[in-house]
Amino acid sequence: MSTYTFTDRIREGLPEVELDELPGELVTNDDRYDMYRYADWLPVDDIEWLSTGEGWTPLVDAPALAEGEGADDTSVLVKNETTNPTWSWKDRMAAMVVSHAVADGADRIVTSTTGNHGSAIAAYAALAGVERVMVFVNPSSEPPHHAQMRAYGAETVELTDEHEAETLLEALAERGWFVAYGLDGWFTGQPYVYEGYKTIAFEIVEQHGVPDAVVAAVGAGDGLYGIWKGFGELETAGLIEETPAIVSAEAEERHPLAVAFEESAERVGTDPGPEPLSTSTKSPTTGDHALAAVRESGGRPTVVDRESMTRALRACGRAGVFLEPASALAAAGASELAGEEGFDTIVAVGSGAGVAWPEKTTELLGAYPTVEPTLSALEAVLPFGLE
């Protein structure tokens, strides 16, 4: 397996893993069908890694996302990350972060979350046998995630002031807790976060080849950047000739990366707009590394309204994939690209499952009716006839 060092590649100065030598082949562990199928591309040579089946998620054809004008010859695929063990792409990140935390002696883990992140950290901490696990849940998160984290053995706590979460996390870090969350100036999980996400790029290449574009929603931007890093490593190793355009997707209410891109800013600022329905992307800012990935790849941002999110949810549903609102941003962004010159094959990253967000998906898709058990009452509420 490859050895690795740390580099300051990321613009805000946090360390990042860099393999000392890239493998000469993509698949280095072909008896596995999880993300450790690419073991030699990962910083796991000196630890006992954790796994509960994360990775090797389906790449699903979603033709209804390519029904716009001029999109007849466009292929839109969804990387269905909802099939990961805790229903989102966060499992790839958590497997790396928690594996290294435990290898370094962590015996208590804390994080803060809108949902997916906390569920993944709690699951892998449980797998590692960590007994003291605490998650600060956001007021916008929903009961399925709360129950999920508690099932894994984590204590979930909602703070009266969510904006003070980082202050509390810093205080706990000083007391010896491992903080699985990005804190300024703290060397916690950041060096390993992108390593799990980059395996999404490896799987796309193995399952399909290099697409023209990959679209991902951005909150902190770590997932998008990790995917870009994966394609970049494959290109550097000579295993692919070019990388896809990396396209970000943000909600109309808050889209700080798009603003920075359009203004040719060096850093992402803050967009204080109203909180979007896509809770996983509700942060008013995002990472400069995500902005760099979009620019350096020849990609661009997309900004998505609620109507487009709803159409994207329904289009993915017709392909058998039920996405959360944040993932619908990526699907809607892919739909926007369909038909544009140079984008013949597009992959949207379906990063999380709609089943974890019943209130917000219902707000987009509408509630179901309750009727008397008669044919006439039934026919009155249906958009189609019964004959």
Protein backbone atom coordinates (compact mmCIF):
# COMPACT_ATOMS: atom_id res chain seq x y z
CA MET A 1 0.00 0.00 0.00
CA SER A 2 1.07 3.59 -0.58
CA THR A 3 2.52 5.79 2.13
CA TYR A 4 1.42 9.38 2.52
CA THR A 5 2.36 12.75 3.92
CA PHE A 6 0.50 15.98 4.65
CA THR A 7 0.47 19.06 2.45
CA ASP A 8 -1.00 22.55 2.68
CA ARG A 9 -2.77 22.33 -0.66
CA ILE A 10 -6.05 23.62 0.72
CA ARG A 11 -6.32 27.38 0.60
CA GLU A 12 -7.48 27.96 4.13
CA GLY A 13 -4.32 26.28 5.39
CA LEU A 14 -5.70 22.99 6.71
CA PRO A 15 -3.55 19.93 6.06
CA GLU A 16 -4.44 17.43 3.35
CA VAL A 17 -3.27 13.89 2.66
CA GLU A 18 -0.97 13.40 -0.30
CA LEU A 19 0.12 9.93 -1.41
CA ASP A 20 3.87 9.64 -1.82
CA GLU A 21 3.38 7.51 -4.93
CA LEU A 22 0.23 6.95 -6.96
CA PRO A 23 -0.72 3.38 -7.90
CA GLY A 24 -0.34 2.26 -11.49
CA GLU A 25 -3.81 0.74 -11.65
CA LEU A 26 -7.26 1.81 -10.52
CA VAL A 27 -8.50 -1.32 -8.75
CA THR A 28 -5.97 -2.52 -6.19
CA ASN A 29 -8.16 -4.82 -4.09
CA ASP A 30 -10.49 -6.54 -6.54
CA ASP A 31 -11.95 -9.02 -4.09
CA ARG A 32 -13.86 -6.17 -2.40
CA TYR A 33 -16.90 -4.22 -3.55
CA ASP A 34 -16.74 -1.27 -1.18
CA MET A 35 -14.51 1.79 -1.19
CA TYR A 36 -11.52 -0.30 -0.07
CA ARG A 37 -11.57 -1.75 -3.54
CA TYR A 38 -9.15 1.16 -4.09
CA ALA A 39 -7.15 0.52 -0.93
CA ASP A 40 -3.78 1.60 -2.34
CA TRP A 41 -5.24 5.02 -3.16
CA LEU A 42 -6.25 5.54 0.47
CA PRO A 43 -4.24 6.44 3.60
CA VAL A 44 -4.86 3.12 5.32
CA ASP A 45 -1.51 1.36 5.18
CA ASP A 46 -0.78 1.86 8.89
CA ILE A 47 -4.22 1.48 10.46
CA GLU A 48 -7.01 -1.05 10.90
CA TRP A 49 -9.71 0.41 8.71
CA LEU A 50 -13.41 0.41 9.51
CA SER A 51 -15.98 -0.77 7.01
CA THR A 52 -19.66 -1.54 6.99
CA GLY A 53 -20.16 -1.74 3.24
CA GLU A 54 -19.71 1.89 2.20
CA GLY A 55 -19.09 2.63 -1.44
CA TRP A 56 -19.59 0.83 -4.74
CA THR A 57 -22.94 2.55 -5.09
CA PRO A 58 -25.07 2.23 -8.25
CA LEU A 59 -24.75 4.56 -11.21
CA VAL A 60 -28.34 4.87 -12.39
CA ASP A 61 -29.62 6.13 -15.74
CA ALA A 62 -32.11 8.95 -15.12
CA PRO A 63 -33.45 9.91 -18.59
CA ALA A 64 -36.20 12.11 -17.14
CA LEU A 65 -33.47 14.55 -16.06
CA ALA A 66 -32.59 15.07 -19.73
CA GLU A 67 -35.97 15.97 -21.15
CA GLY A 68 -35.24 19.64 -21.82
CA GLU A 69 -34.79 21.35 -25.16
CA GLY A 70 -31.83 19.98 -27.09
CA ALA A 71 -31.16 17.21 -24.57
CA ASP A 72 -32.14 14.25 -26.76
CA ASP A 73 -28.57 13.00 -27.02
CA THR A 74 -27.61 13.75 -23.42
CA SER A 75 -27.11 10.96 -20.90
CA VAL A 76 -27.74 11.95 -17.27
CA LEU A 77 -26.76 9.45 -14.61
CA VAL A 78 -27.26 9.55 -10.84
CA LYS A 79 -24.56 8.23 -8.53
CA ASN A 80 -26.93 6.78 -5.96
CA GLU A 81 -25.16 7.39 -2.65
CA THR A 82 -28.40 6.68 -0.76
CA THR A 83 -27.45 2.99 -0.79
CA ASN A 84 -24.57 3.60 1.62
CA PRO A 85 -25.09 2.07 5.09
CA THR A 86 -26.41 5.25 6.76
CA TRP A 87 -28.06 6.52 3.54
CA SER A 88 -25.54 9.12 2.39
CA TRP A 89 -22.09 9.79 0.95
CA LYS A 90 -20.96 10.82 4.44
CA ASP A 91 -20.17 7.16 5.16
CA ARG A 92 -17.12 7.38 2.91
CA MET A 93 -15.82 10.34 4.92
CA ALA A 94 -16.70 8.87 8.31
CA ALA A 95 -14.96 5.57 7.57
CA MET A 96 -11.70 7.43 6.96
CA VAL A 97 -12.00 9.98 9.76
CA VAL A 98 -13.09 7.60 12.51
CA SER A 99 -10.60 4.90 11.48
CA HIS A 100 -7.73 7.36 11.95
CA ALA A 101 -9.19 8.90 15.10
CA VAL A 102 -9.41 5.51 16.79
CA ALA A 103 -5.97 4.52 15.52
CA ASP A 104 -4.66 7.69 17.17
CA GLY A 105 -6.27 6.73 20.47
CA ALA A 106 -9.60 8.56 20.43
CA ASP A 107 -11.98 7.13 23.01
CA ARG A 108 -14.67 9.83 22.87
CA ILE A 109 -16.02 11.55 19.77
CA VAL A 110 -18.21 14.59 19.31
CA THR A 111 -19.54 16.40 16.25
CA SER A 112 -22.24 18.77 15.07
CA THR A 113 -24.66 18.03 12.25
CA THR A 114 -27.70 18.87 10.19
CA GLY A 115 -28.26 15.11 9.82
CA ASN A 116 -26.22 12.97 7.44
CA HIS A 117 -22.82 13.77 8.93
CA GLY A 118 -23.84 12.93 12.49
CA SER A 119 -25.46 9.66 11.47
CA ALA A 120 -22.33 8.53 9.66
CA ILE A 121 -19.94 9.52 12.46
CA ALA A 122 -22.17 7.80 15.05
CA ALA A 123 -22.34 4.60 12.99
CA TYR A 124 -18.59 4.27 12.49
CA ALA A 125 -17.85 5.24 16.09
CA ALA A 126 -20.17 2.40 17.14
CA LEU A 127 -18.42 0.04 14.76
CA ALA A 128 -15.10 1.00 16.38
CA GLY A 129 -16.45 0.36 19.86
CA VAL A 130 -16.25 3.99 21.01
CA GLU A 131 -18.61 4.27 23.98
CA ARG A 132 -18.79 8.04 24.45
CA VAL A 133 -20.24 9.62 21.31
CA MET A 134 -22.14 12.91 21.27
CA VAL A 135 -23.82 14.75 18.39
CA PHE A 136 -25.15 18.29 18.45
CA VAL A 137 -28.18 18.22 16.18
CA ASN A 138 -29.44 21.22 14.26
CA PRO A 139 -32.96 22.59 14.77
CA SER A 140 -33.58 22.01 11.05
CA SER A 141 -32.71 18.31 11.17
CA GLU A 142 -35.51 15.74 11.32
CA PRO A 143 -36.53 12.84 13.60
CA PRO A 144 -35.34 9.96 11.36
CA HIS A 145 -31.75 11.13 11.74
CA HIS A 146 -32.15 11.66 15.48
CA ALA A 147 -33.42 8.11 15.93
CA GLN A 148 -30.72 6.76 13.66
CA MET A 149 -27.92 8.34 15.69
CA ARG A 150 -29.43 7.14 18.96
CA ALA A 151 -29.77 3.64 17.56
CA TYR A 152 -26.02 3.68 16.95
CA GLY A 153 -25.49 4.59 20.61
CA ALA A 154 -24.80 8.31 20.26
CA GLU A 155 -26.20 10.93 22.63
CA THR A 156 -27.98 13.61 20.59
CA VAL A 157 -28.33 17.13 21.99
CA GLU A 158 -29.94 20.22 20.49
CA LEU A 159 -28.35 23.47 21.66
CA THR A 160 -30.44 26.53 22.49
CA ASP A 161 -28.10 28.55 20.27
CA GLU A 162 -26.83 26.58 17.26
CA HIS A 163 -24.32 29.32 16.46
CA GLU A 164 -22.38 28.49 19.63
CA ALA A 165 -21.76 24.88 18.58
CA GLU A 166 -18.21 25.54 17.42
CA THR A 167 -17.30 27.27 20.69
CA LEU A 168 -18.54 24.25 22.61
CA LEU A 169 -16.72 21.85 20.28
CA GLU A 170 -13.47 23.74 20.86
CA ALA A 171 -13.97 23.48 24.62
CA LEU A 172 -14.52 19.74 24.32
CA ALA A 173 -11.44 19.38 22.11
CA GLU A 174 -9.42 21.01 24.89
CA ARG A 175 -10.80 18.34 27.25
CA GLY A 176 -9.53 15.55 25.01
CA TRP A 177 -12.55 14.82 22.85
CA PHE A 178 -11.97 14.02 19.20
CA VAL A 179 -13.99 16.56 17.22
CA ALA A 180 -15.17 15.13 13.90
CA TYR A 181 -15.93 18.57 12.55
CA GLY A 182 -13.96 21.29 10.82
CA LEU A 183 -12.67 23.81 13.35
CA ASP A 184 -10.30 26.64 12.54
CA GLY A 185 -6.83 25.85 13.80
CA TRP A 186 -7.66 22.33 14.98
CA PHE A 187 -6.08 19.27 13.44
CA THR A 188 -9.06 16.91 13.72
CA GLY A 189 -10.57 14.92 10.87
CA GLN A 190 -9.78 17.30 8.04
CA PRO A 191 -6.73 15.57 6.54
CA TYR A 192 -8.80 12.45 5.81
CA VAL A 193 -12.21 13.87 4.86
CA TYR A 194 -11.52 14.12 1.15
CA GLU A 195 -9.95 10.66 0.92
CA GLY A 196 -13.27 8.88 1.27
CA TYR A 197 -15.09 11.18 -1.12
CA LYS A 198 -12.49 10.76 -3.86
CA THR A 199 -13.50 7.10 -4.25
CA ILE A 200 -16.72 8.38 -5.87
CA ALA A 201 -14.57 9.51 -8.82
CA PHE A 202 -12.85 6.11 -8.95
CA GLU A 203 -16.18 4.29 -9.07
CA ILE A 204 -17.60 6.56 -11.78
CA VAL A 205 -14.56 5.86 -13.96
CA GLU A 206 -14.74 2.11 -13.38
CA GLN A 207 -18.51 1.92 -13.86
CA HIS A 208 -18.82 4.27 -16.82
CA GLY A 209 -15.66 6.10 -17.82
CA VAL A 210 -14.97 9.81 -17.54
CA PRO A 211 -18.16 11.90 -17.97
CA ASP A 212 -18.22 15.42 -19.33
CA ALA A 213 -19.43 16.82 -16.02
CA VAL A 214 -20.04 15.79 -12.42
CA VAL A 215 -22.57 17.84 -10.45
CA ALA A 216 -22.60 17.89 -6.64
CA ALA A 217 -24.39 20.03 -4.08
CA VAL A 218 -22.15 22.06 -1.80
CA GLY A 219 -22.44 22.83 1.88
CA ALA A 220 -18.90 22.97 3.24
CA GLY A 221 -17.80 21.78 -0.22
CA ASP A 222 -15.73 18.83 1.02
CA GLY A 223 -17.56 16.21 -1.05
CA LEU A 224 -17.28 18.18 -4.27
CA TYR A 225 -13.59 18.87 -3.64
CA GLY A 226 -12.91 15.22 -2.78
CA ILE A 227 -14.44 14.06 -6.06
CA TRP A 228 -12.30 16.57 -7.96
CA LYS A 229 -9.24 15.35 -6.09
CA GLY A 230 -10.00 11.76 -7.12
CA PHE A 231 -10.21 12.61 -10.80
CA GLY A 232 -7.04 14.67 -10.49
CA GLU A 233 -5.10 11.78 -9.00
CA LEU A 234 -6.25 9.47 -11.80
CA GLU A 235 -5.13 12.01 -14.39
CA THR A 236 -1.75 12.47 -12.69
CA ALA A 237 -1.29 8.69 -12.61
CA GLY A 238 -1.98 8.53 -16.36
CA LEU A 239 -5.09 6.38 -15.95
CA ILE A 240 -7.44 8.93 -17.54
CA GLU A 241 -6.66 11.51 -20.23
CA GLU A 242 -8.79 14.35 -18.91
CA THR A 243 -10.99 15.22 -15.99
CA PRO A 244 -14.66 16.20 -16.07
CA ALA A 245 -15.99 19.67 -15.39
CA ILE A 246 -16.93 19.92 -11.72
CA VAL A 247 -20.25 21.73 -11.33
CA SER A 248 -21.56 22.98 -8.01
CA ALA A 249 -25.25 23.14 -7.12
CA GLU A 250 -26.69 25.55 -4.58
CA ALA A 251 -30.14 26.71 -3.54
CA GLU A 252 -31.57 29.96 -4.82
CA GLU A 253 -31.93 31.20 -1.23
CA ARG A 254 -28.20 30.88 -0.45
CA HIS A 255 -25.51 30.41 -3.09
CA PRO A 256 -22.21 31.90 -1.86
CA LEU A 257 -20.01 29.85 -4.22
CA ALA A 258 -21.94 31.02 -7.27
CA VAL A 259 -21.63 34.64 -6.13
CA ALA A 260 -17.86 34.28 -5.67
CA PHE A 261 -17.52 32.59 -9.06
CA GLU A 262 -19.49 35.25 -10.92
CA GLU A 263 -17.62 38.06 -9.18
CA SER A 264 -14.22 36.42 -9.88
CA ALA A 265 -13.50 36.57 -6.15
CA GLU A 266 -10.51 34.71 -4.73
CA ARG A 267 -12.45 33.54 -1.69
CA VAL A 268 -16.04 32.58 -0.98
CA GLY A 269 -17.91 35.15 1.05
CA THR A 270 -21.17 34.90 2.98
CA ASP A 271 -24.67 34.80 1.56
CA PRO A 272 -27.08 35.72 4.39
CA GLY A 273 -30.23 34.82 2.46
CA PRO A 274 -33.12 32.89 4.01
CA GLU A 275 -32.47 29.31 5.08
CA PRO A 276 -33.09 26.95 2.14
CA LEU A 277 -35.18 23.80 2.23
CA SER A 278 -32.02 21.86 1.40
CA THR A 279 -30.88 21.69 5.03
CA SER A 280 -27.61 19.91 4.25
CA THR A 281 -26.48 22.98 2.27
CA LYS A 282 -27.85 25.64 4.59
CA SER A 283 -24.49 27.13 5.60
CA PRO A 284 -24.23 30.77 4.43
CA THR A 285 -20.71 30.11 3.14
CA THR A 286 -18.67 27.29 1.66
CA GLY A 287 -15.01 26.35 1.34
CA ASP A 288 -12.56 28.06 -0.98
CA HIS A 289 -11.33 24.60 -2.02
CA ALA A 290 -14.74 23.94 -3.61
CA LEU A 291 -14.55 27.20 -5.55
CA ALA A 292 -11.06 26.23 -6.74
CA ALA A 293 -12.29 22.80 -7.87
CA VAL A 294 -15.06 24.35 -9.96
CA ARG A 295 -12.72 26.87 -11.56
CA GLU A 296 -9.73 24.61 -12.16
CA SER A 297 -11.88 21.89 -13.71
CA GLY A 298 -13.51 24.20 -16.22
CA GLY A 299 -16.83 23.81 -14.45
CA ARG A 300 -19.35 26.36 -13.26
CA PRO A 301 -21.93 26.85 -10.53
CA THR A 302 -25.65 26.22 -10.85
CA VAL A 303 -28.33 27.86 -8.73
CA VAL A 304 -31.57 25.96 -8.23
CA ASP A 305 -35.07 27.13 -7.26
CA ARG A 306 -37.71 25.05 -5.48
CA GLU A 307 -39.68 24.29 -8.61
CA SER A 308 -36.58 22.79 -10.22
CA MET A 309 -35.85 20.79 -7.06
CA THR A 310 -39.33 19.30 -7.19
CA ARG A 311 -39.00 18.37 -10.86
CA ALA A 312 -35.63 16.78 -10.14
CA LEU A 313 -36.99 14.77 -7.22
CA ARG A 314 -39.77 13.40 -9.42
CA ALA A 315 -37.40 12.70 -12.32
CA CYS A 316 -35.06 10.72 -10.06
CA GLY A 317 -38.06 8.97 -8.55
CA ARG A 318 -38.94 7.71 -12.04
CA ALA A 319 -35.48 6.11 -12.06
CA GLY A 320 -36.17 4.46 -8.69
CA VAL A 321 -34.02 6.87 -6.65
CA PHE A 322 -35.52 8.89 -3.77
CA LEU A 323 -33.27 11.84 -2.97
CA GLU A 324 -33.18 14.39 -0.18
CA PRO A 325 -33.67 18.07 -1.11
CA ALA A 326 -29.91 18.80 -1.07
CA SER A 327 -29.30 15.97 -3.52
CA ALA A 328 -32.14 17.30 -5.66
CA LEU A 329 -30.00 20.42 -6.13
CA ALA A 330 -27.38 18.30 -7.90
CA ALA A 331 -29.97 16.49 -9.99
CA ALA A 332 -31.57 19.81 -10.98
CA GLY A 333 -28.15 21.22 -11.82
CA ALA A 334 -27.46 18.24 -14.07
CA SER A 335 -30.82 18.77 -15.76
CA GLU A 336 -29.88 22.40 -16.39
CA LEU A 337 -26.67 21.31 -18.14
CA ALA A 338 -28.45 18.75 -20.32
CA GLY A 339 -28.50 19.93 -23.91
CA GLU A 340 -25.65 22.39 -23.51
CA GLU A 341 -22.76 21.95 -25.92
CA GLY A 342 -19.98 19.80 -24.50
CA PHE A 343 -22.12 18.08 -21.88
CA ASP A 344 -23.16 14.82 -23.49
CA THR A 345 -22.68 12.71 -20.36
CA ILE A 346 -23.45 14.15 -16.94
CA VAL A 347 -23.31 12.51 -13.51
CA ALA A 348 -25.33 13.98 -10.65
CA VAL A 349 -24.22 12.88 -7.20
CA GLY A 350 -27.27 11.78 -5.24
CA SER A 351 -25.59 12.38 -1.91
CA GLY A 352 -28.41 11.56 0.53
CA ALA A 353 -31.75 9.82 0.89
CA GLY A 354 -35.16 11.44 0.93
CA VAL A 355 -36.39 8.95 3.53
CA ALA A 356 -34.38 10.82 6.18
CA TRP A 357 -36.14 14.11 5.44
CA PRO A 358 -39.90 13.39 5.37
CA GLU A 359 -41.07 16.91 6.27
CA LYS A 360 -38.98 18.69 3.66
CA THR A 361 -39.58 16.21 0.85
CA THR A 362 -43.30 16.40 1.58
CA GLU A 363 -43.11 20.19 1.35
CA LEU A 364 -41.64 19.82 -2.14
CA LEU A 365 -43.75 16.93 -3.39
CA GLY A 366 -47.03 17.67 -1.62
CA ALA A 367 -49.02 15.74 0.96
CA TYR A 368 -51.21 12.79 0.04
CA PRO A 369 -55.03 12.97 0.36
CA THR A 370 -57.30 11.06 2.71
CA VAL A 371 -60.62 10.01 1.14
CA GLU A 372 -63.73 7.95 1.80
CA PRO A 373 -63.36 4.34 0.56
CA THR A 374 -65.47 4.80 -2.57
CA LEU A 375 -64.53 4.82 -6.23
CA SER A 376 -66.08 8.24 -6.77
CA ALA A 377 -64.14 9.79 -3.89
CA LEU A 378 -60.96 8.16 -5.12
CA GLU A 379 -61.45 9.34 -8.68
CA ALA A 380 -62.07 12.89 -7.48
CA VAL A 381 -58.52 13.27 -6.10
CA LEU A 382 -56.55 11.42 -8.78
CA PRO A 383 -54.91 13.03 -11.80
CA PHE A 384 -55.98 10.07 -13.97
CA GLY A 385 -59.15 8.11 -14.53
CA LEU A 386 -59.99 4.64 -13.19
CA GLU A 387 -61.35 3.23 -16.48
